[in-house]
Amino acid sequence: MVEADLEPRHVTIVEVRPPWDGVGEHTRFPIARLRYTAITGQWSIYWRDRNLKFHEYDRRRPTKNVQALLDYIADSGDPVFWG
């Protein structure tokens, strides 16, 4: 399952998985982040490294169309998002 954690200037896309043994809490794994720049009115994609730090994704330009970025993350096949 995929969820979104909302903050004032960014949205973090999170993969949520049930516990492997059926006991305990679901795990939440950050996949990507969309950041909003108020001056330009555009959103940018950021990818997460193994240390849980986010870095700007340079293969897709910022855009005002958030759905285009969500579609790109879902359909690009780039392992940086879905490893």
PDB file of N, CA and C in Angstrom:
ATOM      1  N   MET A   1       0.855  -1.158   0.000  1.00  0.00           N
ATOM      2  CA  MET A   1       0.000   0.000   0.000  1.00  0.00           C
ATOM      3  C   MET A   1       0.912   1.235   0.000  1.00  0.00           C
ATOM      4  N   VAL A   2       0.456   2.293  -0.644  1.00  0.00           N
ATOM      5  CA  VAL A   2       1.203   3.536  -0.703  1.00  0.00           C
ATOM      6  C   VAL A   2       0.374   4.622  -0.034  1.00  0.00           C
ATOM      7  N   GLU A   3       1.032   5.409   0.808  1.00  0.00           N
ATOM      8  CA  GLU A   3       0.387   6.520   1.498  1.00  0.00           C
ATOM      9  C   GLU A   3       1.212   7.779   1.299  1.00  0.00           C
ATOM     10  N   ALA A   4       0.673   8.904   1.723  1.00  0.00           N
ATOM     11  CA  ALA A   4       1.388  10.173   1.646  1.00  0.00           C
ATOM     12  C   ALA A   4       1.364  10.844   3.013  1.00  0.00           C
ATOM     13  N   ASP A   5       2.524  11.314   3.433  1.00  0.00           N
ATOM     14  CA  ASP A   5       2.636  12.110   4.657  1.00  0.00           C
ATOM     15  C   ASP A   5       2.731  13.571   4.227  1.00  0.00           C
ATOM     16  N   LEU A   6       1.782  14.387   4.673  1.00  0.00           N
ATOM     17  CA  LEU A   6       1.691  15.775   4.235  1.00  0.00           C
ATOM     18  C   LEU A   6       2.343  16.726   5.229  1.00  0.00           C
ATOM     19  N   GLU A   7       3.144  17.632   4.705  1.00  0.00           N
ATOM     20  CA  GLU A   7       3.761  18.711   5.460  1.00  0.00           C
ATOM     21  C   GLU A   7       3.477  20.008   4.697  1.00  0.00           C
ATOM     22  N   PRO A   8       3.696  21.168   5.312  1.00  0.00           N
ATOM     23  CA  PRO A   8       3.373  22.423   4.617  1.00  0.00           C
ATOM     24  C   PRO A   8       4.067  22.617   3.266  1.00  0.00           C
ATOM     25  N   ARG A   9       5.321  22.199   3.112  1.00  0.00           N
ATOM     26  CA  ARG A   9       6.038  22.434   1.860  1.00  0.00           C
ATOM     27  C   ARG A   9       6.495  21.177   1.136  1.00  0.00           C
ATOM     28  N   HIS A  10       6.128  20.020   1.656  1.00  0.00           N
ATOM     29  CA  HIS A  10       6.463  18.790   0.947  1.00  0.00           C
ATOM     30  C   HIS A  10       5.496  17.665   1.286  1.00  0.00           C
ATOM     31  N   VAL A  11       5.502  16.678   0.409  1.00  0.00           N
ATOM     32  CA  VAL A  11       4.706  15.464   0.576  1.00  0.00           C
ATOM     33  C   VAL A  11       5.662  14.288   0.447  1.00  0.00           C
ATOM     34  N   THR A  12       5.666  13.412   1.430  1.00  0.00           N
ATOM     35  CA  THR A  12       6.519  12.230   1.375  1.00  0.00           C
ATOM     36  C   THR A  12       5.656  11.033   1.002  1.00  0.00           C
ATOM     37  N   ILE A  13       6.075  10.329  -0.047  1.00  0.00           N
ATOM     38  CA  ILE A  13       5.376   9.134  -0.499  1.00  0.00           C
ATOM     39  C   ILE A  13       5.992   7.949   0.239  1.00  0.00           C
ATOM     40  N   VAL A  14       5.127   7.165   0.894  1.00  0.00           N
ATOM     41  CA  VAL A  14       5.577   6.104   1.795  1.00  0.00           C
ATOM     42  C   VAL A  14       4.936   4.777   1.391  1.00  0.00           C
ATOM     43  N   GLU A  15       5.770   3.739   1.315  1.00  0.00           N
ATOM     44  CA  GLU A  15       5.251   2.388   1.107  1.00  0.00           C
ATOM     45  C   GLU A  15       4.979   1.782   2.485  1.00  0.00           C
ATOM     46  N   VAL A  16       3.783   1.241   2.675  1.00  0.00           N
ATOM     47  CA  VAL A  16       3.388   0.649   3.954  1.00  0.00           C
ATOM     48  C   VAL A  16       3.205  -0.847   3.749  1.00  0.00           C
ATOM     49  N   ARG A  17       3.888  -1.629   4.589  1.00  0.00           N
ATOM     50  CA  ARG A  17       3.795  -3.098   4.485  1.00  0.00           C
ATOM     51  C   ARG A  17       3.364  -3.699   5.812  1.00  0.00           C
ATOM     52  N   PRO A  18       2.541  -4.745   5.758  1.00  0.00           N
ATOM     53  CA  PRO A  18       2.171  -5.434   6.998  1.00  0.00           C
ATOM     54  C   PRO A  18       3.376  -6.214   7.521  1.00  0.00           C
ATOM     55  N   PRO A  19       3.368  -6.550   8.804  1.00  0.00           N
ATOM     56  CA  PRO A  19       4.474  -7.339   9.344  1.00  0.00           C
ATOM     57  C   PRO A  19       4.543  -8.707   8.660  1.00  0.00           C
ATOM     58  N   TRP A  20       5.729  -9.184   8.410  1.00  0.00           N
ATOM     59  CA  TRP A  20       5.913 -10.440   7.667  1.00  0.00           C
ATOM     60  C   TRP A  20       5.302 -11.627   8.401  1.00  0.00           C
ATOM     61  N   ASP A  21       5.279 -11.552   9.732  1.00  0.00           N
ATOM     62  CA  ASP A  21       4.737 -12.679  10.505  1.00  0.00           C
ATOM     63  C   ASP A  21       3.301 -12.433  10.982  1.00  0.00           C
ATOM     64  N   GLY A  22       2.712 -11.311  10.562  1.00  0.00           N
ATOM     65  CA  GLY A  22       1.349 -11.005  10.949  1.00  0.00           C
ATOM     66  C   GLY A  22       1.197 -10.447  12.346  1.00  0.00           C
ATOM     67  N   VAL A  23       2.310 -10.220  13.027  1.00  0.00           N
ATOM     68  CA  VAL A  23       2.282  -9.714  14.394  1.00  0.00           C
ATOM     69  C   VAL A  23       3.009  -8.371  14.438  1.00  0.00           C
ATOM     70  N   GLY A  24       2.425  -7.417  15.123  1.00  0.00           N
ATOM     71  CA  GLY A  24       3.100  -6.135  15.290  1.00  0.00           C
ATOM     72  C   GLY A  24       2.603  -5.066  14.339  1.00  0.00           C
ATOM     73  N   GLU A  25       3.378  -4.019  14.245  1.00  0.00           N
ATOM     74  CA  GLU A  25       3.018  -2.838  13.467  1.00  0.00           C
ATOM     75  C   GLU A  25       3.422  -2.979  12.001  1.00  0.00           C
ATOM     76  N   HIS A  26       2.733  -2.246  11.162  1.00  0.00           N
ATOM     77  CA  HIS A  26       3.121  -2.135   9.754  1.00  0.00           C
ATOM     78  C   HIS A  26       4.420  -1.327   9.667  1.00  0.00           C
ATOM     79  N   THR A  27       5.243  -1.614   8.670  1.00  0.00           N
ATOM     80  CA  THR A  27       6.448  -0.820   8.454  1.00  0.00           C
ATOM     81  C   THR A  27       6.153   0.262   7.424  1.00  0.00           C
ATOM     82  N   ARG A  28       6.784   1.416   7.591  1.00  0.00           N
ATOM     83  CA  ARG A  28       6.611   2.554   6.690  1.00  0.00           C
ATOM     84  C   ARG A  28       7.974   2.896   6.108  1.00  0.00           C
ATOM     85  N   PHE A  29       8.072   2.865   4.783  1.00  0.00           N
ATOM     86  CA  PHE A  29       9.339   3.048   4.094  1.00  0.00           C
ATOM     87  C   PHE A  29       9.217   4.226   3.125  1.00  0.00           C
ATOM     88  N   PRO A  30       9.906   5.356   3.379  1.00  0.00           N
ATOM     89  CA  PRO A  30       9.816   6.502   2.478  1.00  0.00           C
ATOM     90  C   PRO A  30      10.376   6.170   1.093  1.00  0.00           C
ATOM     91  N   ILE A  31       9.615   6.490   0.057  1.00  0.00           N
ATOM     92  CA  ILE A  31      10.002   6.200  -1.320  1.00  0.00           C
ATOM     93  C   ILE A  31      10.542   7.446  -2.013  1.00  0.00           C
ATOM     94  N   ALA A  32       9.808   8.545  -1.912  1.00  0.00           N
ATOM     95  CA  ALA A  32      10.177   9.791  -2.584  1.00  0.00           C
ATOM     96  C   ALA A  32       9.529  10.952  -1.850  1.00  0.00           C
ATOM     97  N   ARG A  33       9.967  12.144  -2.214  1.00  0.00           N
ATOM     98  CA  ARG A  33       9.377  13.352  -1.630  1.00  0.00           C
ATOM     99  C   ARG A  33       9.131  14.345  -2.751  1.00  0.00           C
ATOM    100  N   LEU A  34       8.002  15.018  -2.682  1.00  0.00           N
ATOM    101  CA  LEU A  34       7.696  16.113  -3.598  1.00  0.00           C
ATOM    102  C   LEU A  34       7.767  17.401  -2.791  1.00  0.00           C
ATOM    103  N   ARG A  35       8.606  18.330  -3.242  1.00  0.00           N
ATOM    104  CA  ARG A  35       8.755  19.605  -2.535  1.00  0.00           C
ATOM    105  C   ARG A  35       8.197  20.738  -3.376  1.00  0.00           C
ATOM    106  N   TYR A  36       7.537  21.654  -2.686  1.00  0.00           N
ATOM    107  CA  TYR A  36       6.911  22.797  -3.339  1.00  0.00           C
ATOM    108  C   TYR A  36       7.765  24.040  -3.110  1.00  0.00           C
ATOM    109  N   THR A  37       7.996  24.803  -4.191  1.00  0.00           N
ATOM    110  CA  THR A  37       8.699  26.075  -4.116  1.00  0.00           C
ATOM    111  C   THR A  37       7.678  27.174  -4.401  1.00  0.00           C
ATOM    112  N   ALA A  38       7.371  27.963  -3.392  1.00  0.00           N
ATOM    113  CA  ALA A  38       6.313  28.975  -3.516  1.00  0.00           C
ATOM    114  C   ALA A  38       6.655  30.047  -4.554  1.00  0.00           C
ATOM    115  N   ILE A  39       7.910  30.429  -4.655  1.00  0.00           N
ATOM    116  CA  ILE A  39       8.307  31.497  -5.589  1.00  0.00           C
ATOM    117  C   ILE A  39       7.996  31.119  -7.034  1.00  0.00           C
ATOM    118  N   THR A  40       8.252  29.863  -7.396  1.00  0.00           N
ATOM    119  CA  THR A  40       8.018  29.421  -8.780  1.00  0.00           C
ATOM    120  C   THR A  40       6.668  28.729  -8.953  1.00  0.00           C
ATOM    121  N   GLY A  41       6.069  28.313  -7.835  1.00  0.00           N
ATOM    122  CA  GLY A  41       4.817  27.572  -7.907  1.00  0.00           C
ATOM    123  C   GLY A  41       5.001  26.174  -8.479  1.00  0.00           C
ATOM    124  N   GLN A  42       6.218  25.631  -8.348  1.00  0.00           N
ATOM    125  CA  GLN A  42       6.512  24.322  -8.928  1.00  0.00           C
ATOM    126  C   GLN A  42       6.874  23.296  -7.858  1.00  0.00           C
ATOM    127  N   TRP A  43       6.661  22.032  -8.238  1.00  0.00           N
ATOM    128  CA  TRP A  43       6.997  20.881  -7.403  1.00  0.00           C
ATOM    129  C   TRP A  43       8.204  20.172  -8.001  1.00  0.00           C
ATOM    130  N   SER A  44       9.074  19.642  -7.132  1.00  0.00           N
ATOM    131  CA  SER A  44      10.257  18.885  -7.552  1.00  0.00           C
ATOM    132  C   SER A  44      10.252  17.531  -6.873  1.00  0.00           C
ATOM    133  N   ILE A  45      10.879  16.550  -7.536  1.00  0.00           N
ATOM    134  CA  ILE A  45      11.009  15.202  -6.961  1.00  0.00           C
ATOM    135  C   ILE A  45      12.346  15.106  -6.228  1.00  0.00           C
ATOM    136  N   TYR A  46      12.306  14.455  -5.083  1.00  0.00           N
ATOM    137  CA  TYR A  46      13.517  14.123  -4.325  1.00  0.00           C
ATOM    138  C   TYR A  46      13.511  12.618  -4.070  1.00  0.00           C
ATOM    139  N   TRP A  47      14.684  12.008  -4.152  1.00  0.00           N
ATOM    140  CA  TRP A  47      14.811  10.574  -3.888  1.00  0.00           C
ATOM    141  C   TRP A  47      15.504  10.378  -2.543  1.00  0.00           C
ATOM    142  N   ARG A  48      15.297   9.207  -1.940  1.00  0.00           N
ATOM    143  CA  ARG A  48      15.830   8.903  -0.613  1.00  0.00           C
ATOM    144  C   ARG A  48      17.004   7.939  -0.721  1.00  0.00           C
ATOM    145  N   ASP A  49      18.092   8.270  -0.041  1.00  0.00           N
ATOM    146  CA  ASP A  49      19.243   7.365  -0.051  1.00  0.00           C
ATOM    147  C   ASP A  49      19.148   6.363   1.102  1.00  0.00           C
ATOM    148  N   ARG A  50      20.127   5.505   1.215  1.00  0.00           N
ATOM    149  CA  ARG A  50      20.094   4.446   2.237  1.00  0.00           C
ATOM    150  C   ARG A  50      20.191   4.987   3.663  1.00  0.00           C
ATOM    151  N   ASN A  51      20.618   6.253   3.811  1.00  0.00           N
ATOM    152  CA  ASN A  51      20.705   6.882   5.124  1.00  0.00           C
ATOM    153  C   ASN A  51      19.469   7.727   5.447  1.00  0.00           C
ATOM    154  N   LEU A  52      18.413   7.546   4.650  1.00  0.00           N
ATOM    155  CA  LEU A  52      17.138   8.238   4.811  1.00  0.00           C
ATOM    156  C   LEU A  52      17.237   9.738   4.566  1.00  0.00           C
ATOM    157  N   LYS A  53      18.228  10.158   3.779  1.00  0.00           N
ATOM    158  CA  LYS A  53      18.344  11.567   3.392  1.00  0.00           C
ATOM    159  C   LYS A  53      17.804  11.730   1.979  1.00  0.00           C
ATOM    160  N   PHE A  54      17.137  12.854   1.747  1.00  0.00           N
ATOM    161  CA  PHE A  54      16.551  13.113   0.441  1.00  0.00           C
ATOM    162  C   PHE A  54      17.458  14.007  -0.395  1.00  0.00           C
ATOM    163  N   HIS A  55      17.513  13.701  -1.710  1.00  0.00           N
ATOM    164  CA  HIS A  55      18.333  14.437  -2.669  1.00  0.00           C
ATOM    165  C   HIS A  55      17.487  14.767  -3.886  1.00  0.00           C
ATOM    166  N   GLU A  56      17.753  15.926  -4.477  1.00  0.00           N
ATOM    167  CA  GLU A  56      16.979  16.317  -5.645  1.00  0.00           C
ATOM    168  C   GLU A  56      17.206  15.341  -6.791  1.00  0.00           C
ATOM    169  N   TYR A  57      16.142  14.958  -7.431  1.00  0.00           N
ATOM    170  CA  TYR A  57      16.152  14.010  -8.549  1.00  0.00           C
ATOM    171  C   TYR A  57      16.301  14.815  -9.834  1.00  0.00           C
ATOM    172  N   ASP A  58      17.424  14.647 -10.530  1.00  0.00           N
ATOM    173  CA  ASP A  58      17.724  15.504 -11.686  1.00  0.00           C
ATOM    174  C   ASP A  58      17.252  14.947 -13.027  1.00  0.00           C
ATOM    175  N   ARG A  59      16.557  13.813 -13.023  1.00  0.00           N
ATOM    176  CA  ARG A  59      16.071  13.236 -14.281  1.00  0.00           C
ATOM    177  C   ARG A  59      14.678  13.725 -14.672  1.00  0.00           C
ATOM    178  N   ARG A  60      14.099  14.539 -13.823  1.00  0.00           N
ATOM    179  CA  ARG A  60      12.758  15.087 -14.108  1.00  0.00           C
ATOM    180  C   ARG A  60      12.730  16.538 -13.623  1.00  0.00           C
ATOM    181  N   ARG A  61      12.377  17.434 -14.501  1.00  0.00           N
ATOM    182  CA  ARG A  61      12.363  18.857 -14.176  1.00  0.00           C
ATOM    183  C   ARG A  61      11.175  19.208 -13.278  1.00  0.00           C
ATOM    184  N   PRO A  62      11.329  20.254 -12.457  1.00  0.00           N
ATOM    185  CA  PRO A  62      10.203  20.724 -11.652  1.00  0.00           C
ATOM    186  C   PRO A  62       9.036  21.129 -12.547  1.00  0.00           C
ATOM    187  N   THR A  63       7.828  21.005 -12.009  1.00  0.00           N
ATOM    188  CA  THR A  63       6.621  21.319 -12.762  1.00  0.00           C
ATOM    189  C   THR A  63       5.517  21.773 -11.812  1.00  0.00           C
ATOM    190  N   LYS A  64       4.536  22.447 -12.367  1.00  0.00           N
ATOM    191  CA  LYS A  64       3.355  22.816 -11.583  1.00  0.00           C
ATOM    192  C   LYS A  64       2.352  21.665 -11.531  1.00  0.00           C
ATOM    193  N   ASN A  65       2.556  20.655 -12.370  1.00  0.00           N
ATOM    194  CA  ASN A  65       1.645  19.518 -12.486  1.00  0.00           C
ATOM    195  C   ASN A  65       2.079  18.391 -11.544  1.00  0.00           C
ATOM    196  N   VAL A  66       1.516  18.363 -10.354  1.00  0.00           N
ATOM    197  CA  VAL A  66       1.875  17.346  -9.364  1.00  0.00           C
ATOM    198  C   VAL A  66       1.547  15.941  -9.862  1.00  0.00           C
ATOM    199  N   GLN A  67       0.422  15.785 -10.551  1.00  0.00           N
ATOM    200  CA  GLN A  67       0.034  14.464 -11.042  1.00  0.00           C
ATOM    201  C   GLN A  67       1.078  13.898 -12.001  1.00  0.00           C
ATOM    202  N   ALA A  68       1.696  14.749 -12.813  1.00  0.00           N
ATOM    203  CA  ALA A  68       2.741  14.284 -13.728  1.00  0.00           C
ATOM    204  C   ALA A  68       3.919  13.701 -12.953  1.00  0.00           C
ATOM    205  N   LEU A  69       4.267  14.295 -11.826  1.00  0.00           N
ATOM    206  CA  LEU A  69       5.368  13.771 -11.005  1.00  0.00           C
ATOM    207  C   LEU A  69       4.978  12.464 -10.325  1.00  0.00           C
ATOM    208  N   LEU A  70       3.761  12.394  -9.827  1.00  0.00           N
ATOM    209  CA  LEU A  70       3.287  11.143  -9.209  1.00  0.00           C
ATOM    210  C   LEU A  70       3.266  10.020 -10.235  1.00  0.00           C
ATOM    211  N   ASP A  71       2.795  10.315 -11.438  1.00  0.00           N
ATOM    212  CA  ASP A  71       2.781   9.312 -12.504  1.00  0.00           C
ATOM    213  C   ASP A  71       4.192   8.866 -12.847  1.00  0.00           C
ATOM    214  N   TYR A  72       5.121   9.805 -12.874  1.00  0.00           N
ATOM    215  CA  TYR A  72       6.508   9.474 -13.193  1.00  0.00           C
ATOM    216  C   TYR A  72       7.086   8.522 -12.138  1.00  0.00           C
ATOM    217  N   ILE A  73       6.882   8.843 -10.877  1.00  0.00           N
ATOM    218  CA  ILE A  73       7.396   7.982  -9.802  1.00  0.00           C
ATOM    219  C   ILE A  73       6.801   6.581  -9.917  1.00  0.00           C
ATOM    220  N   ALA A  74       5.518   6.494 -10.202  1.00  0.00           N
ATOM    221  CA  ALA A  74       4.832   5.191 -10.291  1.00  0.00           C
ATOM    222  C   ALA A  74       5.255   4.390 -11.514  1.00  0.00           C
ATOM    223  N   ASP A  75       5.487   5.069 -12.638  1.00  0.00           N
ATOM    224  CA  ASP A  75       5.669   4.372 -13.913  1.00  0.00           C
ATOM    225  C   ASP A  75       7.084   4.365 -14.479  1.00  0.00           C
ATOM    226  N   SER A  76       8.002   5.134 -13.891  1.00  0.00           N
ATOM    227  CA  SER A  76       9.328   5.279 -14.499  1.00  0.00           C
ATOM    228  C   SER A  76      10.142   3.997 -14.467  1.00  0.00           C
ATOM    229  N   GLY A  77       9.905   3.148 -13.470  1.00  0.00           N
ATOM    230  CA  GLY A  77      10.703   1.944 -13.342  1.00  0.00           C
ATOM    231  C   GLY A  77      12.095   2.215 -12.771  1.00  0.00           C
ATOM    232  N   ASP A  78      12.353   3.447 -12.368  1.00  0.00           N
ATOM    233  CA  ASP A  78      13.670   3.799 -11.818  1.00  0.00           C
ATOM    234  C   ASP A  78      13.830   3.116 -10.473  1.00  0.00           C
ATOM    235  N   PRO A  79      14.855   2.295 -10.295  1.00  0.00           N
ATOM    236  CA  PRO A  79      15.036   1.579  -9.029  1.00  0.00           C
ATOM    237  C   PRO A  79      15.346   2.482  -7.838  1.00  0.00           C
ATOM    238  N   VAL A  80      15.681   3.734  -8.086  1.00  0.00           N
ATOM    239  CA  VAL A  80      15.919   4.648  -6.976  1.00  0.00           C
ATOM    240  C   VAL A  80      14.643   4.834  -6.147  1.00  0.00           C
ATOM    241  N   PHE A  81      13.485   4.634  -6.769  1.00  0.00           N
ATOM    242  CA  PHE A  81      12.213   4.746  -6.045  1.00  0.00           C
ATOM    243  C   PHE A  81      11.728   3.400  -5.536  1.00  0.00           C
ATOM    244  N   TRP A  82      11.699   2.395  -6.387  1.00  0.00           N
ATOM    245  CA  TRP A  82      11.077   1.129  -6.031  1.00  0.00           C
ATOM    246  C   TRP A  82      12.062  -0.019  -5.928  1.00  0.00           C
ATOM    247  N   GLY A  83      13.387   0.282  -5.918  1.00  0.00           N
ATOM    248  CA  GLY A  83      14.505  -0.625  -5.758  1.00  0.00           C
ATOM    249  C   GLY A  83      14.260  -2.027  -6.011  1.00  0.00           C
TER     250      GLY A  83
END
